[in-house]
Amino acid sequence: MPEKAPERSVDRALDGSRAGEAPGKAAVYTHGHHESVLRSHSWRTAANSAAYLIGELRPGLDLLDVGCGPGTITADLAALLAPGHVTAVDVAPGILDQARRAAAERGLDNVDFAVADVHGLDFPDDSFDVVHAHQVLQHVGDPVRALREMRRVCRPGGVVAARDSDYAAMTWYPSVPGLDDWLELYRRVARANGGEPDAGRRLTSWARRAGFTDVTATAATWCYAAPEERAWWSGLWADRTTESLYARRAVDGGHATGADLRRIADAWREWGRRDDGWFAVLHGEVLCRTATATRVPWIPRTA
């Protein structure tokens, strides 16, 4: 690996922004939407990615899905809530076309889609019964402001739900040389890009700083150990390491060379071939219940 760059401060101001950043500055999605990234997203369902929220849902509720990506979780939530309505938003206009196709393929007519930044949502106060964000807050520049916006558009008595992985808590076996370098590199690139890769452990703190007082925190895992799971997980990370936007950010930012990335990708493939391979991804989860409170009036945006 190249010489390690000085560790950047991850301290945040009281408003949730990073030290030295303007409040609300949006980070750019570290991974991008390369095929290797979408391969991971398309595997996600409400059952394996939002089980902590499902017990709160019932037909007829209206839900905002923030950072919906290709829409596989969105479609599941829409099916559960019908005849309630789901509004799915993402900052990347192109990915919404895939989300629309996911809904159309399932014959769902209770979903609409829009481009939106979670730091400033173009919806009036109290618009939704449920506001959901999966693997979003780790990528934004100001997670506390994002949660405040999610709280603002959630109706009194509703719930704001967020789930994020925690990279520093990921663990695996065996200790293949190169995977430790992968973890250190990914966390460095993500932070240089304005995100917080260890978001899972911070969700409760961010939620309370955003004004929530009724917060239920839980944790859950994804585990990859069966041969087909190891092949899938190791393959997508090997490809992501050398071919995605993350790879370009790593090189352009001076965090790694192309040779470093190829070596890390080879380590992923080696781990995937190991019969005793095992990988666990820890997620933090929060369910934040809203109560009647004084709200900051919503001012519609002008063109």
C-alpha atoms as a PDB file:
ATOM      1  CA  MET A   1       0.000   0.000   0.000  1.00  0.00           C
ATOM      2  CA  PRO A   2       1.156   3.594  -0.541  1.00  0.00           C
ATOM      3  CA  GLU A   3       2.289   5.653   2.416  1.00  0.00           C
ATOM      4  CA  LYS A   4      -0.721   6.290   4.608  1.00  0.00           C
ATOM      5  CA  ALA A   5      -2.163   9.753   4.327  1.00  0.00           C
ATOM      6  CA  PRO A   6      -2.629  11.742   7.541  1.00  0.00           C
ATOM      7  CA  GLU A   7      -5.768  10.615   9.371  1.00  0.00           C
ATOM      8  CA  ARG A   8      -8.588  13.027   8.708  1.00  0.00           C
ATOM      9  CA  SER A   9     -10.633  14.257  11.620  1.00  0.00           C
ATOM     10  CA  VAL A  10     -14.090  12.718  11.762  1.00  0.00           C
ATOM     11  CA  ASP A  11     -15.301  15.058  14.488  1.00  0.00           C
ATOM     12  CA  ARG A  12     -18.590  16.675  13.628  1.00  0.00           C
ATOM     13  CA  ALA A  13     -20.054  19.982  14.635  1.00  0.00           C
ATOM     14  CA  LEU A  14     -23.236  20.048  16.697  1.00  0.00           C
ATOM     15  CA  ASP A  15     -25.272  20.230  13.484  1.00  0.00           C
ATOM     16  CA  GLY A  16     -23.704  16.955  12.334  1.00  0.00           C
ATOM     17  CA  SER A  17     -21.407  18.374   9.643  1.00  0.00           C
ATOM     18  CA  ARG A  18     -17.752  17.453   9.512  1.00  0.00           C
ATOM     19  CA  ALA A  19     -15.257  19.860  10.985  1.00  0.00           C
ATOM     20  CA  GLY A  20     -14.480  22.501   8.390  1.00  0.00           C
ATOM     21  CA  GLU A  21     -17.479  21.676   6.188  1.00  0.00           C
ATOM     22  CA  ALA A  22     -20.523  23.786   5.561  1.00  0.00           C
ATOM     23  CA  PRO A  23     -23.613  22.282   7.232  1.00  0.00           C
ATOM     24  CA  GLY A  24     -25.572  20.119   4.849  1.00  0.00           C
ATOM     25  CA  LYS A  25     -22.786  19.566   2.357  1.00  0.00           C
ATOM     26  CA  ALA A  26     -23.704  16.375   0.511  1.00  0.00           C
ATOM     27  CA  ALA A  27     -21.125  13.662   0.105  1.00  0.00           C
ATOM     28  CA  VAL A  28     -20.850  11.944  -3.264  1.00  0.00           C
ATOM     29  CA  TYR A  29     -21.824   8.281  -3.253  1.00  0.00           C
ATOM     30  CA  THR A  30     -18.485   6.536  -2.706  1.00  0.00           C
ATOM     31  CA  HIS A  31     -19.322   3.362  -4.651  1.00  0.00           C
ATOM     32  CA  GLY A  32     -21.063   4.890  -7.637  1.00  0.00           C
ATOM     33  CA  HIS A  33     -23.508   2.683  -9.542  1.00  0.00           C
ATOM     34  CA  HIS A  34     -21.148   0.267 -11.241  1.00  0.00           C
ATOM     35  CA  GLU A  35     -22.596  -3.155 -12.064  1.00  0.00           C
ATOM     36  CA  SER A  36     -20.739  -4.684  -9.105  1.00  0.00           C
ATOM     37  CA  VAL A  37     -22.530  -2.250  -6.790  1.00  0.00           C
ATOM     38  CA  LEU A  38     -25.957  -2.881  -8.306  1.00  0.00           C
ATOM     39  CA  ARG A  39     -25.288  -6.622  -8.047  1.00  0.00           C
ATOM     40  CA  SER A  40     -25.215  -6.142  -4.286  1.00  0.00           C
ATOM     41  CA  HIS A  41     -28.227  -3.809  -4.166  1.00  0.00           C
ATOM     42  CA  SER A  42     -30.407  -6.084  -6.277  1.00  0.00           C
ATOM     43  CA  TRP A  43     -30.014  -8.855  -3.708  1.00  0.00           C
ATOM     44  CA  ARG A  44     -31.587  -6.715  -0.996  1.00  0.00           C
ATOM     45  CA  THR A  45     -35.167  -7.319   0.113  1.00  0.00           C
ATOM     46  CA  ALA A  46     -37.333  -6.037   2.926  1.00  0.00           C
ATOM     47  CA  ALA A  47     -36.857  -9.403   4.625  1.00  0.00           C
ATOM     48  CA  ASN A  48     -33.051  -9.357   4.632  1.00  0.00           C
ATOM     49  CA  SER A  49     -32.563  -5.598   4.909  1.00  0.00           C
ATOM     50  CA  ALA A  50     -35.549  -4.079   6.745  1.00  0.00           C
ATOM     51  CA  ALA A  51     -36.845  -6.809   9.059  1.00  0.00           C
ATOM     52  CA  TYR A  52     -36.598  -4.426  12.023  1.00  0.00           C
ATOM     53  CA  LEU A  53     -39.170  -2.161  10.321  1.00  0.00           C
ATOM     54  CA  ILE A  54     -41.669  -4.705   8.989  1.00  0.00           C
ATOM     55  CA  GLY A  55     -43.513  -5.020  12.304  1.00  0.00           C
ATOM     56  CA  GLU A  56     -44.331  -1.313  12.146  1.00  0.00           C
ATOM     57  CA  LEU A  57     -45.998  -1.539   8.732  1.00  0.00           C
ATOM     58  CA  ARG A  58     -49.623  -2.095   7.823  1.00  0.00           C
ATOM     59  CA  PRO A  59     -51.677  -1.620   4.670  1.00  0.00           C
ATOM     60  CA  GLY A  60     -52.707   1.962   4.025  1.00  0.00           C
ATOM     61  CA  LEU A  61     -49.644   3.742   5.407  1.00  0.00           C
ATOM     62  CA  ASP A  62     -47.707   6.234   3.285  1.00  0.00           C
ATOM     63  CA  LEU A  63     -43.929   5.792   3.186  1.00  0.00           C
ATOM     64  CA  LEU A  64     -40.958   7.795   1.923  1.00  0.00           C
ATOM     65  CA  ASP A  65     -38.010   5.622   0.853  1.00  0.00           C
ATOM     66  CA  VAL A  66     -34.847   7.749   0.919  1.00  0.00           C
ATOM     67  CA  GLY A  67     -31.935   6.644  -1.258  1.00  0.00           C
ATOM     68  CA  CYS A  68     -33.968   3.910  -2.891  1.00  0.00           C
ATOM     69  CA  GLY A  69     -31.278   2.828  -5.379  1.00  0.00           C
ATOM     70  CA  PRO A  70     -32.524   0.145  -7.808  1.00  0.00           C
ATOM     71  CA  GLY A  71     -35.730  -0.235  -5.806  1.00  0.00           C
ATOM     72  CA  THR A  72     -35.833  -3.867  -4.682  1.00  0.00           C
ATOM     73  CA  ILE A  73     -36.546  -2.934  -1.049  1.00  0.00           C
ATOM     74  CA  THR A  74     -38.899  -0.189  -2.245  1.00  0.00           C
ATOM     75  CA  ALA A  75     -40.988  -2.691  -4.190  1.00  0.00           C
ATOM     76  CA  ASP A  76     -41.280  -5.005  -1.178  1.00  0.00           C
ATOM     77  CA  LEU A  77     -42.372  -2.120   1.038  1.00  0.00           C
ATOM     78  CA  ALA A  78     -44.928  -0.967  -1.527  1.00  0.00           C
ATOM     79  CA  ALA A  79     -46.420  -4.465  -1.684  1.00  0.00           C
ATOM     80  CA  LEU A  80     -46.712  -4.571   2.109  1.00  0.00           C
ATOM     81  CA  LEU A  81     -48.330  -1.130   2.383  1.00  0.00           C
ATOM     82  CA  ALA A  82     -50.837  -1.235  -0.503  1.00  0.00           C
ATOM     83  CA  PRO A  83     -53.221   0.538  -0.845  1.00  0.00           C
ATOM     84  CA  GLY A  84     -50.912   2.956   0.955  1.00  0.00           C
ATOM     85  CA  HIS A  85     -48.501   4.950  -1.178  1.00  0.00           C
ATOM     86  CA  VAL A  86     -44.693   4.831  -1.406  1.00  0.00           C
ATOM     87  CA  THR A  87     -42.598   7.734  -2.643  1.00  0.00           C
ATOM     88  CA  ALA A  88     -39.059   6.646  -3.528  1.00  0.00           C
ATOM     89  CA  VAL A  89     -36.280   9.221  -3.909  1.00  0.00           C
ATOM     90  CA  ASP A  90     -32.601   9.159  -4.811  1.00  0.00           C
ATOM     91  CA  VAL A  91     -30.001  11.777  -5.685  1.00  0.00           C
ATOM     92  CA  ALA A  92     -28.999   9.870  -8.850  1.00  0.00           C
ATOM     93  CA  PRO A  93     -31.627  10.295 -11.592  1.00  0.00           C
ATOM     94  CA  GLY A  94     -30.362   7.338 -13.637  1.00  0.00           C
ATOM     95  CA  ILE A  95     -30.832   4.762 -10.898  1.00  0.00           C
ATOM     96  CA  LEU A  96     -34.518   5.709 -10.613  1.00  0.00           C
ATOM     97  CA  ASP A  97     -35.156   4.136 -14.019  1.00  0.00           C
ATOM     98  CA  GLN A  98     -34.141   0.772 -12.580  1.00  0.00           C
ATOM     99  CA  ALA A  99     -36.327   1.348  -9.541  1.00  0.00           C
ATOM    100  CA  ARG A 100     -39.285   2.113 -11.799  1.00  0.00           C
ATOM    101  CA  ARG A 101     -38.686  -1.130 -13.689  1.00  0.00           C
ATOM    102  CA  ALA A 102     -38.544  -3.098 -10.419  1.00  0.00           C
ATOM    103  CA  ALA A 103     -41.959  -1.730  -9.432  1.00  0.00           C
ATOM    104  CA  ALA A 104     -43.445  -2.227 -12.898  1.00  0.00           C
ATOM    105  CA  GLU A 105     -42.263  -5.832 -13.109  1.00  0.00           C
ATOM    106  CA  ARG A 106     -44.239  -6.566  -9.941  1.00  0.00           C
ATOM    107  CA  GLY A 107     -47.317  -4.720 -11.145  1.00  0.00           C
ATOM    108  CA  LEU A 108     -47.144  -2.133  -8.380  1.00  0.00           C
ATOM    109  CA  ASP A 109     -49.082   1.058  -9.065  1.00  0.00           C
ATOM    110  CA  ASN A 110     -48.739   2.655  -5.605  1.00  0.00           C
ATOM    111  CA  VAL A 111     -45.149   3.938  -6.053  1.00  0.00           C
ATOM    112  CA  ASP A 112     -43.825   7.168  -7.486  1.00  0.00           C
ATOM    113  CA  PHE A 113     -40.237   8.307  -7.894  1.00  0.00           C
ATOM    114  CA  ALA A 114     -38.383  11.611  -7.634  1.00  0.00           C
ATOM    115  CA  VAL A 115     -34.875  13.022  -7.461  1.00  0.00           C
ATOM    116  CA  ALA A 116     -34.197  14.415  -3.986  1.00  0.00           C
ATOM    117  CA  ASP A 117     -31.398  15.214  -1.545  1.00  0.00           C
ATOM    118  CA  VAL A 118     -32.114  14.059   2.001  1.00  0.00           C
ATOM    119  CA  HIS A 119     -30.516  17.239   3.367  1.00  0.00           C
ATOM    120  CA  GLY A 120     -33.408  19.253   1.889  1.00  0.00           C
ATOM    121  CA  LEU A 121     -36.511  17.238   1.041  1.00  0.00           C
ATOM    122  CA  ASP A 122     -39.104  18.940  -1.164  1.00  0.00           C
ATOM    123  CA  PHE A 123     -42.082  17.712   0.850  1.00  0.00           C
ATOM    124  CA  PRO A 124     -44.280  19.577   3.338  1.00  0.00           C
ATOM    125  CA  ASP A 125     -44.131  18.830   7.041  1.00  0.00           C
ATOM    126  CA  ASP A 126     -45.994  15.707   8.188  1.00  0.00           C
ATOM    127  CA  SER A 127     -46.255  14.141   4.723  1.00  0.00           C
ATOM    128  CA  PHE A 128     -45.570  10.463   5.518  1.00  0.00           C
ATOM    129  CA  ASP A 129     -46.376   7.872   8.157  1.00  0.00           C
ATOM    130  CA  VAL A 130     -43.004   6.157   7.703  1.00  0.00           C
ATOM    131  CA  VAL A 131     -39.655   7.467   6.461  1.00  0.00           C
ATOM    132  CA  HIS A 132     -37.057   4.797   5.636  1.00  0.00           C
ATOM    133  CA  ALA A 133     -33.377   4.941   4.681  1.00  0.00           C
ATOM    134  CA  HIS A 134     -31.239   1.859   4.068  1.00  0.00           C
ATOM    135  CA  GLN A 135     -27.428   2.298   3.826  1.00  0.00           C
ATOM    136  CA  VAL A 136     -27.842   6.031   3.208  1.00  0.00           C
ATOM    137  CA  LEU A 137     -26.558   7.934   6.246  1.00  0.00           C
ATOM    138  CA  GLN A 138     -23.052   6.508   5.898  1.00  0.00           C
ATOM    139  CA  HIS A 139     -22.766   8.328   2.569  1.00  0.00           C
ATOM    140  CA  VAL A 140     -24.191  11.769   3.355  1.00  0.00           C
ATOM    141  CA  GLY A 141     -22.187  14.801   4.426  1.00  0.00           C
ATOM    142  CA  ASP A 142     -24.474  15.697   7.330  1.00  0.00           C
ATOM    143  CA  PRO A 143     -26.378  12.726   8.817  1.00  0.00           C
ATOM    144  CA  VAL A 144     -27.889  14.747  11.661  1.00  0.00           C
ATOM    145  CA  ARG A 145     -29.392  17.271   9.264  1.00  0.00           C
ATOM    146  CA  ALA A 146     -30.610  14.377   7.116  1.00  0.00           C
ATOM    147  CA  LEU A 147     -32.390  12.828  10.095  1.00  0.00           C
ATOM    148  CA  ARG A 148     -33.906  16.192  10.995  1.00  0.00           C
ATOM    149  CA  GLU A 149     -35.354  16.404   7.492  1.00  0.00           C
ATOM    150  CA  MET A 150     -36.663  12.847   7.741  1.00  0.00           C
ATOM    151  CA  ARG A 151     -38.255  13.761  11.074  1.00  0.00           C
ATOM    152  CA  ARG A 152     -39.786  16.938   9.631  1.00  0.00           C
ATOM    153  CA  VAL A 153     -41.636  15.111   6.849  1.00  0.00           C
ATOM    154  CA  CYS A 154     -42.820  12.309   9.155  1.00  0.00           C
ATOM    155  CA  ARG A 155     -46.276  12.671  10.674  1.00  0.00           C
ATOM    156  CA  PRO A 156     -46.719  12.846  14.458  1.00  0.00           C
ATOM    157  CA  GLY A 157     -46.983   9.302  15.736  1.00  0.00           C
ATOM    158  CA  GLY A 158     -45.035   7.992  12.751  1.00  0.00           C
ATOM    159  CA  VAL A 159     -41.651   6.325  12.560  1.00  0.00           C
ATOM    160  CA  VAL A 160     -38.311   7.156  10.965  1.00  0.00           C
ATOM    161  CA  ALA A 161     -36.224   4.044  10.271  1.00  0.00           C
ATOM    162  CA  ALA A 162     -32.542   3.941   9.353  1.00  0.00           C
ATOM    163  CA  ARG A 163     -30.113   1.053   8.897  1.00  0.00           C
ATOM    164  CA  ASP A 164     -26.409   1.306   8.100  1.00  0.00           C
ATOM    165  CA  SER A 165     -23.486  -1.060   8.086  1.00  0.00           C
ATOM    166  CA  ASP A 166     -20.442  -0.526  10.292  1.00  0.00           C
ATOM    167  CA  TYR A 167     -17.246  -1.283   8.406  1.00  0.00           C
ATOM    168  CA  ALA A 168     -14.936  -1.347  11.418  1.00  0.00           C
ATOM    169  CA  ALA A 169     -17.133  -4.058  12.932  1.00  0.00           C
ATOM    170  CA  MET A 170     -17.012  -6.316   9.867  1.00  0.00           C
ATOM    171  CA  THR A 171     -15.117  -9.513  10.535  1.00  0.00           C
ATOM    172  CA  TRP A 172     -14.029 -12.540   8.563  1.00  0.00           C
ATOM    173  CA  TYR A 173     -12.077 -15.765   8.546  1.00  0.00           C
ATOM    174  CA  PRO A 174      -9.503 -16.805   7.494  1.00  0.00           C
ATOM    175  CA  SER A 175      -7.175 -13.817   7.727  1.00  0.00           C
ATOM    176  CA  VAL A 176      -6.223 -13.627   4.064  1.00  0.00           C
ATOM    177  CA  PRO A 177      -3.413 -11.087   3.516  1.00  0.00           C
ATOM    178  CA  GLY A 178      -4.878  -8.088   1.721  1.00  0.00           C
ATOM    179  CA  LEU A 179      -8.334  -7.933   3.320  1.00  0.00           C
ATOM    180  CA  ASP A 180      -7.051  -5.861   6.242  1.00  0.00           C
ATOM    181  CA  ASP A 181      -5.651  -3.477   3.623  1.00  0.00           C
ATOM    182  CA  TRP A 182      -9.059  -3.465   1.912  1.00  0.00           C
ATOM    183  CA  LEU A 183     -10.824  -2.400   5.106  1.00  0.00           C
ATOM    184  CA  GLU A 184      -8.310   0.309   5.959  1.00  0.00           C
ATOM    185  CA  LEU A 185      -8.382   1.641   2.408  1.00  0.00           C
ATOM    186  CA  TYR A 186     -12.165   1.642   2.067  1.00  0.00           C
ATOM    187  CA  ARG A 187     -12.647   3.520   5.327  1.00  0.00           C
ATOM    188  CA  ARG A 188     -10.046   6.092   4.308  1.00  0.00           C
ATOM    189  CA  VAL A 189     -11.566   6.661   0.862  1.00  0.00           C
ATOM    190  CA  ALA A 190     -15.108   6.900   2.250  1.00  0.00           C
ATOM    191  CA  ARG A 191     -14.098   9.518   4.799  1.00  0.00           C
ATOM    192  CA  ALA A 192     -12.107  11.489   2.257  1.00  0.00           C
ATOM    193  CA  ASN A 193     -15.288  11.480   0.169  1.00  0.00           C
ATOM    194  CA  GLY A 194     -17.291  13.045   3.009  1.00  0.00           C
ATOM    195  CA  GLY A 195     -19.002   9.939   4.404  1.00  0.00           C
ATOM    196  CA  GLU A 196     -18.750   7.903   7.612  1.00  0.00           C
ATOM    197  CA  PRO A 197     -18.199   4.183   6.948  1.00  0.00           C
ATOM    198  CA  ASP A 198     -18.670   3.252  10.615  1.00  0.00           C
ATOM    199  CA  ALA A 199     -22.179   4.714  10.649  1.00  0.00           C
ATOM    200  CA  GLY A 200     -23.963   1.778  12.276  1.00  0.00           C
ATOM    201  CA  ARG A 201     -22.654   2.499  15.756  1.00  0.00           C
ATOM    202  CA  ARG A 202     -23.472   6.206  15.430  1.00  0.00           C
ATOM    203  CA  LEU A 203     -27.145   6.014  14.440  1.00  0.00           C
ATOM    204  CA  THR A 204     -28.529   6.374  17.953  1.00  0.00           C
ATOM    205  CA  SER A 205     -26.305   9.370  18.668  1.00  0.00           C
ATOM    206  CA  TRP A 206     -27.202  11.020  15.373  1.00  0.00           C
ATOM    207  CA  ALA A 207     -30.922  10.391  15.938  1.00  0.00           C
ATOM    208  CA  ARG A 208     -30.881  11.975  19.392  1.00  0.00           C
ATOM    209  CA  ARG A 209     -28.939  14.967  18.103  1.00  0.00           C
ATOM    210  CA  ALA A 210     -31.585  15.296  15.384  1.00  0.00           C
ATOM    211  CA  GLY A 211     -34.247  15.754  18.063  1.00  0.00           C
ATOM    212  CA  PHE A 212     -35.679  12.262  18.474  1.00  0.00           C
ATOM    213  CA  THR A 213     -36.373  11.237  22.067  1.00  0.00           C
ATOM    214  CA  ASP A 214     -38.027   7.862  21.450  1.00  0.00           C
ATOM    215  CA  VAL A 215     -35.321   5.768  19.760  1.00  0.00           C
ATOM    216  CA  THR A 216     -35.184   1.965  19.628  1.00  0.00           C
ATOM    217  CA  ALA A 217     -31.743   0.714  18.598  1.00  0.00           C
ATOM    218  CA  THR A 218     -31.043  -2.795  17.340  1.00  0.00           C
ATOM    219  CA  ALA A 219     -28.406  -4.620  15.312  1.00  0.00           C
ATOM    220  CA  ALA A 220     -28.487  -7.291  12.625  1.00  0.00           C
ATOM    221  CA  THR A 221     -26.035  -9.081  10.382  1.00  0.00           C
ATOM    222  CA  TRP A 222     -25.529 -10.388   6.901  1.00  0.00           C
ATOM    223  CA  CYS A 223     -23.377 -13.519   6.877  1.00  0.00           C
ATOM    224  CA  TYR A 224     -21.662 -15.102   3.861  1.00  0.00           C
ATOM    225  CA  ALA A 225     -20.347 -18.627   4.381  1.00  0.00           C
ATOM    226  CA  ALA A 226     -21.936 -21.073   1.931  1.00  0.00           C
ATOM    227  CA  PRO A 227     -19.937 -21.628  -1.288  1.00  0.00           C
ATOM    228  CA  GLU A 228     -22.347 -19.662  -3.490  1.00  0.00           C
ATOM    229  CA  GLU A 229     -22.488 -16.828  -0.922  1.00  0.00           C
ATOM    230  CA  ARG A 230     -18.696 -16.612  -0.722  1.00  0.00           C
ATOM    231  CA  ALA A 231     -18.379 -16.597  -4.502  1.00  0.00           C
ATOM    232  CA  TRP A 232     -20.977 -13.837  -4.860  1.00  0.00           C
ATOM    233  CA  TRP A 233     -19.680 -11.593  -2.052  1.00  0.00           C
ATOM    234  CA  SER A 234     -16.009 -11.960  -2.920  1.00  0.00           C
ATOM    235  CA  GLY A 235     -16.659 -11.492  -6.631  1.00  0.00           C
ATOM    236  CA  LEU A 236     -18.612  -8.279  -6.287  1.00  0.00           C
ATOM    237  CA  TRP A 237     -16.006  -6.772  -3.936  1.00  0.00           C
ATOM    238  CA  ALA A 238     -13.138  -7.839  -6.191  1.00  0.00           C
ATOM    239  CA  ASP A 239     -14.859  -6.153  -9.140  1.00  0.00           C
ATOM    240  CA  ARG A 240     -15.822  -3.097  -7.102  1.00  0.00           C
ATOM    241  CA  THR A 241     -12.216  -2.706  -5.935  1.00  0.00           C
ATOM    242  CA  THR A 242     -10.826  -2.433  -9.455  1.00  0.00           C
ATOM    243  CA  GLU A 243     -13.687  -1.249 -11.682  1.00  0.00           C
ATOM    244  CA  SER A 244     -16.119   0.987  -9.786  1.00  0.00           C
ATOM    245  CA  LEU A 245     -16.134   4.695  -9.018  1.00  0.00           C
ATOM    246  CA  TYR A 246     -14.664   3.781  -5.628  1.00  0.00           C
ATOM    247  CA  ALA A 247     -11.558   2.444  -7.414  1.00  0.00           C
ATOM    248  CA  ARG A 248     -11.132   5.724  -9.276  1.00  0.00           C
ATOM    249  CA  ARG A 249     -11.552   7.715  -6.078  1.00  0.00           C
ATOM    250  CA  ALA A 250      -8.927   5.558  -4.364  1.00  0.00           C
ATOM    251  CA  VAL A 251      -6.372   6.178  -7.114  1.00  0.00           C
ATOM    252  CA  ASP A 252      -7.216   9.806  -7.900  1.00  0.00           C
ATOM    253  CA  GLY A 253      -7.174  10.657  -4.204  1.00  0.00           C
ATOM    254  CA  GLY A 254      -3.690   9.206  -3.751  1.00  0.00           C
ATOM    255  CA  HIS A 255      -4.904   6.496  -1.400  1.00  0.00           C
ATOM    256  CA  ALA A 256      -3.783   3.523  -3.530  1.00  0.00           C
ATOM    257  CA  THR A 257      -2.236   2.573  -6.853  1.00  0.00           C
ATOM    258  CA  GLY A 258      -3.767   0.359  -9.500  1.00  0.00           C
ATOM    259  CA  ALA A 259      -1.380  -2.396  -8.383  1.00  0.00           C
ATOM    260  CA  ASP A 260      -2.610  -2.034  -4.790  1.00  0.00           C
ATOM    261  CA  LEU A 261      -6.196  -2.435  -5.934  1.00  0.00           C
ATOM    262  CA  ARG A 262      -5.412  -5.505  -8.043  1.00  0.00           C
ATOM    263  CA  ARG A 263      -3.667  -7.111  -5.082  1.00  0.00           C
ATOM    264  CA  ILE A 264      -6.680  -6.454  -2.853  1.00  0.00           C
ATOM    265  CA  ALA A 265      -9.040  -7.838  -5.509  1.00  0.00           C
ATOM    266  CA  ASP A 266      -6.896 -11.002  -5.674  1.00  0.00           C
ATOM    267  CA  ALA A 267      -7.182 -11.284  -1.871  1.00  0.00           C
ATOM    268  CA  TRP A 268     -10.960 -11.152  -2.140  1.00  0.00           C
ATOM    269  CA  ARG A 269     -10.969 -13.924  -4.721  1.00  0.00           C
ATOM    270  CA  GLU A 270      -8.610 -16.025  -2.604  1.00  0.00           C
ATOM    271  CA  TRP A 271     -10.904 -15.652   0.409  1.00  0.00           C
ATOM    272  CA  GLY A 272     -13.886 -16.639  -1.746  1.00  0.00           C
ATOM    273  CA  ARG A 273     -12.183 -19.906  -2.708  1.00  0.00           C
ATOM    274  CA  ARG A 274     -11.574 -20.937   0.893  1.00  0.00           C
ATOM    275  CA  ASP A 275     -13.870 -23.729   2.072  1.00  0.00           C
ATOM    276  CA  ASP A 276     -13.692 -22.340   5.603  1.00  0.00           C
ATOM    277  CA  GLY A 277     -14.411 -18.769   4.517  1.00  0.00           C
ATOM    278  CA  TRP A 278     -16.849 -16.763   6.641  1.00  0.00           C
ATOM    279  CA  PHE A 279     -17.717 -13.043   6.518  1.00  0.00           C
ATOM    280  CA  ALA A 280     -20.105 -11.080   8.751  1.00  0.00           C
ATOM    281  CA  VAL A 281     -21.448  -7.580   8.135  1.00  0.00           C
ATOM    282  CA  LEU A 282     -22.835  -5.818  11.207  1.00  0.00           C
ATOM    283  CA  HIS A 283     -25.627  -3.250  10.800  1.00  0.00           C
ATOM    284  CA  GLY A 284     -26.909  -0.689  13.250  1.00  0.00           C
ATOM    285  CA  GLU A 285     -30.646   0.021  13.110  1.00  0.00           C
ATOM    286  CA  VAL A 286     -32.855   2.692  14.663  1.00  0.00           C
ATOM    287  CA  LEU A 287     -36.610   3.112  14.858  1.00  0.00           C
ATOM    288  CA  CYS A 288     -37.337   6.717  15.830  1.00  0.00           C
ATOM    289  CA  ARG A 289     -40.915   7.499  16.812  1.00  0.00           C
ATOM    290  CA  THR A 290     -42.188  11.003  16.279  1.00  0.00           C
ATOM    291  CA  ALA A 291     -44.389  12.945  18.664  1.00  0.00           C
ATOM    292  CA  THR A 292     -46.322  16.182  18.363  1.00  0.00           C
ATOM    293  CA  ALA A 293     -43.741  18.958  18.434  1.00  0.00           C
ATOM    294  CA  THR A 294     -43.096  22.447  17.218  1.00  0.00           C
ATOM    295  CA  ARG A 295     -41.896  22.229  13.622  1.00  0.00           C
ATOM    296  CA  VAL A 296     -39.890  24.624  11.499  1.00  0.00           C
ATOM    297  CA  PRO A 297     -42.326  25.738   8.765  1.00  0.00           C
ATOM    298  CA  TRP A 298     -41.703  24.229   5.353  1.00  0.00           C
ATOM    299  CA  ILE A 299     -40.884  26.750   2.655  1.00  0.00           C
ATOM    300  CA  PRO A 300     -41.384  25.433  -0.904  1.00  0.00           C
ATOM    301  CA  ARG A 301     -38.317  25.633  -3.130  1.00  0.00           C
ATOM    302  CA  THR A 302     -38.345  27.972  -6.076  1.00  0.00           C
ATOM    303  CA  ALA A 303     -37.092  26.949  -9.524  1.00  0.00           C
END
